[in-house]
Amino acid sequence: MAIKIRIPTPMRQLTGGVDMAEVQGATVAALLGQLCDKFSGMDKRLFKQPGELNRFINIYVNDEDIRFLSNLETPVKDGDDVSIVPAIAGG
């Protein structure tokens, strides 16, 4: 099944300006794995180490933060809306 992932502006230099990528998988982990295979350098932006998202990266499935679902093992299906949202700090 193909699912679209929204790419945030700060990461679009890795995708050649693409704002949405279509990947396949049954879980968020599988989708992100495909995304990293598709775009060189994406893994370093998303993951601290394999299987551990950087603390400033938030992933949402249908407007729900995966940290409150099943994290990277959150299941996905056709039609789901998946977004990568980098945390913003300021003061």
PDB file of N, CA and C in Angstrom:
ATOM      1  N   MET A   1       0.825  -1.179   0.000  1.00  0.00           N
ATOM      2  CA  MET A   1       0.000   0.000   0.000  1.00  0.00           C
ATOM      3  C   MET A   1       0.869   1.243   0.000  1.00  0.00           C
ATOM      4  N   ALA A   2       0.509   2.227  -0.769  1.00  0.00           N
ATOM      5  CA  ALA A   2       1.272   3.467  -0.863  1.00  0.00           C
ATOM      6  C   ALA A   2       0.651   4.530   0.032  1.00  0.00           C
ATOM      7  N   ILE A   3       1.484   5.180   0.817  1.00  0.00           N
ATOM      8  CA  ILE A   3       1.043   6.223   1.743  1.00  0.00           C
ATOM      9  C   ILE A   3       1.915   7.450   1.506  1.00  0.00           C
ATOM     10  N   LYS A   4       1.294   8.611   1.563  1.00  0.00           N
ATOM     11  CA  LYS A   4       2.025   9.862   1.371  1.00  0.00           C
ATOM     12  C   LYS A   4       2.475  10.413   2.705  1.00  0.00           C
ATOM     13  N   ILE A   5       3.738  10.859   2.738  1.00  0.00           N
ATOM     14  CA  ILE A   5       4.312  11.489   3.926  1.00  0.00           C
ATOM     15  C   ILE A   5       4.621  12.941   3.577  1.00  0.00           C
ATOM     16  N   ARG A   6       4.156  13.844   4.414  1.00  0.00           N
ATOM     17  CA  ARG A   6       4.437  15.274   4.233  1.00  0.00           C
ATOM     18  C   ARG A   6       5.854  15.566   4.744  1.00  0.00           C
ATOM     19  N   ILE A   7       6.630  16.231   3.906  1.00  0.00           N
ATOM     20  CA  ILE A   7       8.021  16.568   4.235  1.00  0.00           C
ATOM     21  C   ILE A   7       8.071  18.037   4.653  1.00  0.00           C
ATOM     22  N   PRO A   8       8.615  18.352   5.839  1.00  0.00           N
ATOM     23  CA  PRO A   8       8.684  19.748   6.265  1.00  0.00           C
ATOM     24  C   PRO A   8       9.716  20.533   5.453  1.00  0.00           C
ATOM     25  N   THR A   9       9.505  21.816   5.370  1.00  0.00           N
ATOM     26  CA  THR A   9      10.385  22.691   4.586  1.00  0.00           C
ATOM     27  C   THR A   9      11.867  22.519   4.909  1.00  0.00           C
ATOM     28  N   PRO A  10      12.281  22.442   6.196  1.00  0.00           N
ATOM     29  CA  PRO A  10      13.711  22.317   6.476  1.00  0.00           C
ATOM     30  C   PRO A  10      14.364  21.034   5.935  1.00  0.00           C
ATOM     31  N   MET A  11      13.570  20.028   5.606  1.00  0.00           N
ATOM     32  CA  MET A  11      14.123  18.765   5.103  1.00  0.00           C
ATOM     33  C   MET A  11      14.014  18.630   3.589  1.00  0.00           C
ATOM     34  N   ARG A  12      13.439  19.616   2.949  1.00  0.00           N
ATOM     35  CA  ARG A  12      13.219  19.504   1.507  1.00  0.00           C
ATOM     36  C   ARG A  12      14.487  19.611   0.678  1.00  0.00           C
ATOM     37  N   GLN A  13      15.585  20.093   1.264  1.00  0.00           N
ATOM     38  CA  GLN A  13      16.846  20.094   0.512  1.00  0.00           C
ATOM     39  C   GLN A  13      17.312  18.668   0.276  1.00  0.00           C
ATOM     40  N   LEU A  14      16.875  17.736   1.123  1.00  0.00           N
ATOM     41  CA  LEU A  14      17.231  16.325   0.954  1.00  0.00           C
ATOM     42  C   LEU A  14      16.370  15.642  -0.106  1.00  0.00           C
ATOM     43  N   THR A  15      15.187  16.214  -0.377  1.00  0.00           N
ATOM     44  CA  THR A  15      14.248  15.597  -1.312  1.00  0.00           C
ATOM     45  C   THR A  15      14.206  16.303  -2.660  1.00  0.00           C
ATOM     46  N   GLY A  16      15.118  17.244  -2.863  1.00  0.00           N
ATOM     47  CA  GLY A  16      15.106  18.002  -4.116  1.00  0.00           C
ATOM     48  C   GLY A  16      13.906  18.922  -4.214  1.00  0.00           C
ATOM     49  N   GLY A  17      13.385  19.358  -3.064  1.00  0.00           N
ATOM     50  CA  GLY A  17      12.258  20.279  -3.038  1.00  0.00           C
ATOM     51  C   GLY A  17      10.895  19.611  -2.946  1.00  0.00           C
ATOM     52  N   VAL A  18      10.880  18.291  -2.989  1.00  0.00           N
ATOM     53  CA  VAL A  18       9.612  17.562  -2.924  1.00  0.00           C
ATOM     54  C   VAL A  18       8.985  17.758  -1.540  1.00  0.00           C
ATOM     55  N   ASP A  19       7.696  18.118  -1.503  1.00  0.00           N
ATOM     56  CA  ASP A  19       7.027  18.351  -0.224  1.00  0.00           C
ATOM     57  C   ASP A  19       6.209  17.160   0.262  1.00  0.00           C
ATOM     58  N   MET A  20       6.055  16.156  -0.595  1.00  0.00           N
ATOM     59  CA  MET A  20       5.320  14.959  -0.221  1.00  0.00           C
ATOM     60  C   MET A  20       5.934  13.767  -0.942  1.00  0.00           C
ATOM     61  N   ALA A  21       6.164  12.694  -0.190  1.00  0.00           N
ATOM     62  CA  ALA A  21       6.751  11.493  -0.787  1.00  0.00           C
ATOM     63  C   ALA A  21       5.795  10.318  -0.590  1.00  0.00           C
ATOM     64  N   GLU A  22       5.721   9.475  -1.596  1.00  0.00           N
ATOM     65  CA  GLU A  22       4.877   8.293  -1.518  1.00  0.00           C
ATOM     66  C   GLU A  22       5.764   7.080  -1.243  1.00  0.00           C
ATOM     67  N   VAL A  23       5.450   6.384  -0.155  1.00  0.00           N
ATOM     68  CA  VAL A  23       6.215   5.203   0.252  1.00  0.00           C
ATOM     69  C   VAL A  23       5.236   4.104   0.658  1.00  0.00           C
ATOM     70  N   GLN A  24       5.789   2.920   0.889  1.00  0.00           N
ATOM     71  CA  GLN A  24       4.938   1.789   1.248  1.00  0.00           C
ATOM     72  C   GLN A  24       5.366   1.196   2.575  1.00  0.00           C
ATOM     73  N   GLY A  25       4.396   0.655   3.300  1.00  0.00           N
ATOM     74  CA  GLY A  25       4.691  -0.006   4.556  1.00  0.00           C
ATOM     75  C   GLY A  25       3.447  -0.146   5.400  1.00  0.00           C
ATOM     76  N   ALA A  26       3.527  -1.012   6.392  1.00  0.00           N
ATOM     77  CA  ALA A  26       2.388  -1.261   7.272  1.00  0.00           C
ATOM     78  C   ALA A  26       2.526  -0.544   8.609  1.00  0.00           C
ATOM     79  N   THR A  27       3.740  -0.010   8.892  1.00  0.00           N
ATOM     80  CA  THR A  27       3.973   0.714  10.144  1.00  0.00           C
ATOM     81  C   THR A  27       4.728   2.006   9.834  1.00  0.00           C
ATOM     82  N   VAL A  28       4.737   2.895  10.806  1.00  0.00           N
ATOM     83  CA  VAL A  28       5.492   4.139  10.644  1.00  0.00           C
ATOM     84  C   VAL A  28       6.971   3.822  10.423  1.00  0.00           C
ATOM     85  N   ALA A  29       7.509   2.852  11.136  1.00  0.00           N
ATOM     86  CA  ALA A  29       8.919   2.469  10.972  1.00  0.00           C
ATOM     87  C   ALA A  29       9.205   2.057   9.532  1.00  0.00           C
ATOM     88  N   ALA A  30       8.316   1.273   8.938  1.00  0.00           N
ATOM     89  CA  ALA A  30       8.514   0.827   7.557  1.00  0.00           C
ATOM     90  C   ALA A  30       8.453   2.006   6.597  1.00  0.00           C
ATOM     91  N   LEU A  31       7.526   2.934   6.830  1.00  0.00           N
ATOM     92  CA  LEU A  31       7.423   4.113   5.969  1.00  0.00           C
ATOM     93  C   LEU A  31       8.689   4.958   6.036  1.00  0.00           C
ATOM     94  N   LEU A  32       9.164   5.199   7.256  1.00  0.00           N
ATOM     95  CA  LEU A  32      10.364   6.019   7.415  1.00  0.00           C
ATOM     96  C   LEU A  32      11.593   5.323   6.856  1.00  0.00           C
ATOM     97  N   GLY A  33      11.642   4.006   6.965  1.00  0.00           N
ATOM     98  CA  GLY A  33      12.742   3.246   6.366  1.00  0.00           C
ATOM     99  C   GLY A  33      12.776   3.425   4.859  1.00  0.00           C
ATOM    100  N   GLN A  34      11.613   3.353   4.229  1.00  0.00           N
ATOM    101  CA  GLN A  34      11.527   3.560   2.778  1.00  0.00           C
ATOM    102  C   GLN A  34      11.913   4.993   2.420  1.00  0.00           C
ATOM    103  N   LEU A  35      11.465   5.950   3.240  1.00  0.00           N
ATOM    104  CA  LEU A  35      11.792   7.351   2.991  1.00  0.00           C
ATOM    105  C   LEU A  35      13.297   7.566   3.049  1.00  0.00           C
ATOM    106  N   CYS A  36      13.952   6.951   4.032  1.00  0.00           N
ATOM    107  CA  CYS A  36      15.408   7.072   4.162  1.00  0.00           C
ATOM    108  C   CYS A  36      16.131   6.401   3.005  1.00  0.00           C
ATOM    109  N   ASP A  37      15.585   5.297   2.492  1.00  0.00           N
ATOM    110  CA  ASP A  37      16.177   4.637   1.328  1.00  0.00           C
ATOM    111  C   ASP A  37      16.038   5.494   0.077  1.00  0.00           C
ATOM    112  N   LYS A  38      14.947   6.214   0.002  1.00  0.00           N
ATOM    113  CA  LYS A  38      14.633   7.024  -1.178  1.00  0.00           C
ATOM    114  C   LYS A  38      15.446   8.316  -1.233  1.00  0.00           C
ATOM    115  N   PHE A  39      15.727   8.900  -0.052  1.00  0.00           N
ATOM    116  CA  PHE A  39      16.406  10.197   0.005  1.00  0.00           C
ATOM    117  C   PHE A  39      17.646  10.114   0.893  1.00  0.00           C
ATOM    118  N   SER A  40      18.798  10.223   0.279  1.00  0.00           N
ATOM    119  CA  SER A  40      20.072  10.154   0.978  1.00  0.00           C
ATOM    120  C   SER A  40      20.177  11.255   2.043  1.00  0.00           C
ATOM    121  N   GLY A  41      20.620  10.886   3.229  1.00  0.00           N
ATOM    122  CA  GLY A  41      20.815  11.832   4.321  1.00  0.00           C
ATOM    123  C   GLY A  41      19.600  11.984   5.221  1.00  0.00           C
ATOM    124  N   MET A  42      18.457  11.481   4.782  1.00  0.00           N
ATOM    125  CA  MET A  42      17.232  11.611   5.578  1.00  0.00           C
ATOM    126  C   MET A  42      17.357  10.861   6.907  1.00  0.00           C
ATOM    127  N   ASP A  43      18.041   9.717   6.893  1.00  0.00           N
ATOM    128  CA  ASP A  43      18.183   8.933   8.121  1.00  0.00           C
ATOM    129  C   ASP A  43      18.889   9.719   9.222  1.00  0.00           C
ATOM    130  N   LYS A  44      19.876  10.517   8.852  1.00  0.00           N
ATOM    131  CA  LYS A  44      20.617  11.297   9.847  1.00  0.00           C
ATOM    132  C   LYS A  44      19.763  12.423  10.429  1.00  0.00           C
ATOM    133  N   ARG A  45      18.816  12.911   9.656  1.00  0.00           N
ATOM    134  CA  ARG A  45      17.927  13.973  10.135  1.00  0.00           C
ATOM    135  C   ARG A  45      16.806  13.422  11.014  1.00  0.00           C
ATOM    136  N   LEU A  46      16.368  12.197  10.723  1.00  0.00           N
ATOM    137  CA  LEU A  46      15.237  11.627  11.449  1.00  0.00           C
ATOM    138  C   LEU A  46      15.634  10.839  12.696  1.00  0.00           C
ATOM    139  N   PHE A  47      16.757  10.107  12.607  1.00  0.00           N
ATOM    140  CA  PHE A  47      17.089   9.147  13.658  1.00  0.00           C
ATOM    141  C   PHE A  47      18.371   9.491  14.407  1.00  0.00           C
ATOM    142  N   LYS A  48      18.322   9.338  15.722  1.00  0.00           N
ATOM    143  CA  LYS A  48      19.509   9.469  16.578  1.00  0.00           C
ATOM    144  C   LYS A  48      20.386   8.247  16.372  1.00  0.00           C
ATOM    145  N   GLN A  49      19.742   7.088  16.356  1.00  0.00           N
ATOM    146  CA  GLN A  49      20.352   5.798  16.048  1.00  0.00           C
ATOM    147  C   GLN A  49      19.243   4.939  15.465  1.00  0.00           C
ATOM    148  N   PRO A  50      19.564   3.820  14.856  1.00  0.00           N
ATOM    149  CA  PRO A  50      18.497   3.002  14.258  1.00  0.00           C
ATOM    150  C   PRO A  50      17.383   2.694  15.265  1.00  0.00           C
ATOM    151  N   GLY A  51      16.166   2.975  14.859  1.00  0.00           N
ATOM    152  CA  GLY A  51      15.011   2.697  15.704  1.00  0.00           C
ATOM    153  C   GLY A  51      14.707   3.735  16.762  1.00  0.00           C
ATOM    154  N   GLU A  52      15.465   4.831  16.804  1.00  0.00           N
ATOM    155  CA  GLU A  52      15.241   5.884  17.794  1.00  0.00           C
ATOM    156  C   GLU A  52      15.204   7.244  17.099  1.00  0.00           C
ATOM    157  N   LEU A  53      13.998   7.828  17.054  1.00  0.00           N
ATOM    158  CA  LEU A  53      13.850   9.140  16.440  1.00  0.00           C
ATOM    159  C   LEU A  53      14.636  10.189  17.212  1.00  0.00           C
ATOM    160  N   ASN A  54      15.160  11.181  16.490  1.00  0.00           N
ATOM    161  CA  ASN A  54      15.754  12.332  17.156  1.00  0.00           C
ATOM    162  C   ASN A  54      14.687  12.979  18.019  1.00  0.00           C
ATOM    163  N   ARG A  55      15.069  13.530  19.156  1.00  0.00           N
ATOM    164  CA  ARG A  55      14.085  14.064  20.092  1.00  0.00           C
ATOM    165  C   ARG A  55      13.340  15.274  19.553  1.00  0.00           C
ATOM    166  N   PHE A  56      13.896  15.933  18.543  1.00  0.00           N
ATOM    167  CA  PHE A  56      13.234  17.112  17.983  1.00  0.00           C
ATOM    168  C   PHE A  56      12.386  16.790  16.745  1.00  0.00           C
ATOM    169  N   ILE A  57      12.196  15.520  16.467  1.00  0.00           N
ATOM    170  CA  ILE A  57      11.359  15.089  15.341  1.00  0.00           C
ATOM    171  C   ILE A  57      10.072  14.490  15.884  1.00  0.00           C
ATOM    172  N   ASN A  58       8.954  15.001  15.410  1.00  0.00           N
ATOM    173  CA  ASN A  58       7.640  14.474  15.780  1.00  0.00           C
ATOM    174  C   ASN A  58       6.988  13.902  14.529  1.00  0.00           C
ATOM    175  N   ILE A  59       6.364  12.761  14.672  1.00  0.00           N
ATOM    176  CA  ILE A  59       5.650  12.120  13.567  1.00  0.00           C
ATOM    177  C   ILE A  59       4.180  12.026  13.964  1.00  0.00           C
ATOM    178  N   TYR A  60       3.330  12.442  13.050  1.00  0.00           N
ATOM    179  CA  TYR A  60       1.894  12.399  13.282  1.00  0.00           C
ATOM    180  C   TYR A  60       1.224  11.507  12.244  1.00  0.00           C
ATOM    181  N   VAL A  61       0.292  10.693  12.702  1.00  0.00           N
ATOM    182  CA  VAL A  61      -0.549   9.893  11.823  1.00  0.00           C
ATOM    183  C   VAL A  61      -1.976  10.351  12.086  1.00  0.00           C
ATOM    184  N   ASN A  62      -2.591  10.922  11.050  1.00  0.00           N
ATOM    185  CA  ASN A  62      -3.963  11.448  11.193  1.00  0.00           C
ATOM    186  C   ASN A  62      -4.071  12.403  12.385  1.00  0.00           C
ATOM    187  N   ASP A  63      -3.124  13.323  12.480  1.00  0.00           N
ATOM    188  CA  ASP A  63      -3.095  14.365  13.517  1.00  0.00           C
ATOM    189  C   ASP A  63      -2.841  13.830  14.933  1.00  0.00           C
ATOM    190  N   GLU A  64      -2.433  12.577  15.061  1.00  0.00           N
ATOM    191  CA  GLU A  64      -2.116  12.018  16.379  1.00  0.00           C
ATOM    192  C   GLU A  64      -0.619  11.748  16.466  1.00  0.00           C
ATOM    193  N   ASP A  65      -0.006  12.219  17.527  1.00  0.00           N
ATOM    194  CA  ASP A  65       1.421  12.030  17.765  1.00  0.00           C
ATOM    195  C   ASP A  65       1.679  10.546  18.030  1.00  0.00           C
ATOM    196  N   ILE A  66       2.614   9.955  17.273  1.00  0.00           N
ATOM    197  CA  ILE A  66       2.868   8.519  17.417  1.00  0.00           C
ATOM    198  C   ILE A  66       3.418   8.161  18.789  1.00  0.00           C
ATOM    199  N   ARG A  67       3.963   9.141  19.525  1.00  0.00           N
ATOM    200  CA  ARG A  67       4.466   8.859  20.880  1.00  0.00           C
ATOM    201  C   ARG A  67       3.337   8.422  21.810  1.00  0.00           C
ATOM    202  N   PHE A  68       2.101   8.803  21.467  1.00  0.00           N
ATOM    203  CA  PHE A  68       0.950   8.443  22.291  1.00  0.00           C
ATOM    204  C   PHE A  68       0.169   7.286  21.682  1.00  0.00           C
ATOM    205  N   LEU A  69       0.692   6.728  20.601  1.00  0.00           N
ATOM    206  CA  LEU A  69       0.104   5.547  19.973  1.00  0.00           C
ATOM    207  C   LEU A  69       1.066   4.395  20.232  1.00  0.00           C
ATOM    208  N   SER A  70       1.592   3.800  19.181  1.00  0.00           N
ATOM    209  CA  SER A  70       2.557   2.698  19.338  1.00  0.00           C
ATOM    210  C   SER A  70       3.935   3.096  18.830  1.00  0.00           C
ATOM    211  N   ASN A  71       4.228   4.398  18.907  1.00  0.00           N
ATOM    212  CA  ASN A  71       5.501   4.956  18.459  1.00  0.00           C
ATOM    213  C   ASN A  71       5.819   4.488  17.038  1.00  0.00           C
ATOM    214  N   LEU A  72       7.021   4.017  16.773  1.00  0.00           N
ATOM    215  CA  LEU A  72       7.387   3.625  15.406  1.00  0.00           C
ATOM    216  C   LEU A  72       6.617   2.412  14.904  1.00  0.00           C
ATOM    217  N   GLU A  73       6.048   1.647  15.809  1.00  0.00           N
ATOM    218  CA  GLU A  73       5.261   0.469  15.405  1.00  0.00           C
ATOM    219  C   GLU A  73       3.786   0.796  15.172  1.00  0.00           C
ATOM    220  N   THR A  74       3.448   2.074  15.157  1.00  0.00           N
ATOM    221  CA  THR A  74       2.075   2.492  14.867  1.00  0.00           C
ATOM    222  C   THR A  74       1.679   2.000  13.481  1.00  0.00           C
ATOM    223  N   PRO A  75       0.581   1.269  13.380  1.00  0.00           N
ATOM    224  CA  PRO A  75       0.152   0.768  12.070  1.00  0.00           C
ATOM    225  C   PRO A  75      -0.421   1.900  11.204  1.00  0.00           C
ATOM    226  N   VAL A  76      -0.241   1.764   9.901  1.00  0.00           N
ATOM    227  CA  VAL A  76      -0.788   2.719   8.932  1.00  0.00           C
ATOM    228  C   VAL A  76      -1.527   1.959   7.844  1.00  0.00           C
ATOM    229  N   LYS A  77      -2.435   2.681   7.189  1.00  0.00           N
ATOM    230  CA  LYS A  77      -3.203   2.071   6.103  1.00  0.00           C
ATOM    231  C   LYS A  77      -3.436   3.109   5.015  1.00  0.00           C
ATOM    232  N   ASP A  78      -3.867   2.656   3.856  1.00  0.00           N
ATOM    233  CA  ASP A  78      -4.167   3.570   2.758  1.00  0.00           C
ATOM    234  C   ASP A  78      -5.070   4.689   3.236  1.00  0.00           C
ATOM    235  N   GLY A  79      -4.743   5.891   2.819  1.00  0.00           N
ATOM    236  CA  GLY A  79      -5.556   7.045   3.173  1.00  0.00           C
ATOM    237  C   GLY A  79      -5.118   7.761   4.431  1.00  0.00           C
ATOM    238  N   ASP A  80      -4.201   7.156   5.199  1.00  0.00           N
ATOM    239  CA  ASP A  80      -3.709   7.834   6.399  1.00  0.00           C
ATOM    240  C   ASP A  80      -2.878   9.049   6.003  1.00  0.00           C
ATOM    241  N   ASP A  81      -2.906  10.058   6.846  1.00  0.00           N
ATOM    242  CA  ASP A  81      -2.138  11.281   6.653  1.00  0.00           C
ATOM    243  C   ASP A  81      -0.948  11.226   7.606  1.00  0.00           C
ATOM    244  N   VAL A  82       0.261  11.132   7.062  1.00  0.00           N
ATOM    245  CA  VAL A  82       1.477  11.040   7.878  1.00  0.00           C
ATOM    246  C   VAL A  82       2.306  12.305   7.660  1.00  0.00           C
ATOM    247  N   SER A  83       2.693  12.940   8.761  1.00  0.00           N
ATOM    248  CA  SER A  83       3.465  14.182   8.682  1.00  0.00           C
ATOM    249  C   SER A  83       4.694  14.102   9.571  1.00  0.00           C
ATOM    250  N   ILE A  84       5.789  14.654   9.077  1.00  0.00           N
ATOM    251  CA  ILE A  84       7.008  14.828   9.862  1.00  0.00           C
ATOM    252  C   ILE A  84       6.998  16.295  10.295  1.00  0.00           C
ATOM    253  N   VAL A  85       7.104  16.509  11.610  1.00  0.00           N
ATOM    254  CA  VAL A  85       7.055  17.871  12.131  1.00  0.00           C
ATOM    255  C   VAL A  85       8.262  18.086  13.039  1.00  0.00           C
ATOM    256  N   PRO A  86       9.224  18.895  12.587  1.00  0.00           N
ATOM    257  CA  PRO A  86      10.362  19.173  13.469  1.00  0.00           C
ATOM    258  C   PRO A  86       9.933  20.118  14.596  1.00  0.00           C
ATOM    259  N   ALA A  87      10.450  19.872  15.787  1.00  0.00           N
ATOM    260  CA  ALA A  87      10.150  20.722  16.926  1.00  0.00           C
ATOM    261  C   ALA A  87      10.797  22.082  16.708  1.00  0.00           C
ATOM    262  N   ILE A  88      10.149  23.111  17.205  1.00  0.00           N
ATOM    263  CA  ILE A  88      10.651  24.474  17.078  1.00  0.00           C
ATOM    264  C   ILE A  88      10.898  25.013  18.472  1.00  0.00           C
ATOM    265  N   ALA A  89      12.086  25.538  18.690  1.00  0.00           N
ATOM    266  CA  ALA A  89      12.420  26.106  19.991  1.00  0.00           C
ATOM    267  C   ALA A  89      12.654  27.601  19.833  1.00  0.00           C
ATOM    268  N   GLY A  90      12.456  28.292  20.855  1.00  0.00           N
ATOM    269  CA  GLY A  90      12.683  29.731  20.791  1.00  0.00           C
ATOM    270  C   GLY A  90      12.538  30.331  22.172  1.00  0.00           C
ATOM    271  N   GLY A  91      12.705  31.596  22.217  1.00  0.00           N
ATOM    272  CA  GLY A  91      12.563  32.221  23.521  1.00  0.00           C
ATOM    273  C   GLY A  91      12.407  33.682  23.403  1.00  0.00           C
TER     274      GLY A  91
END
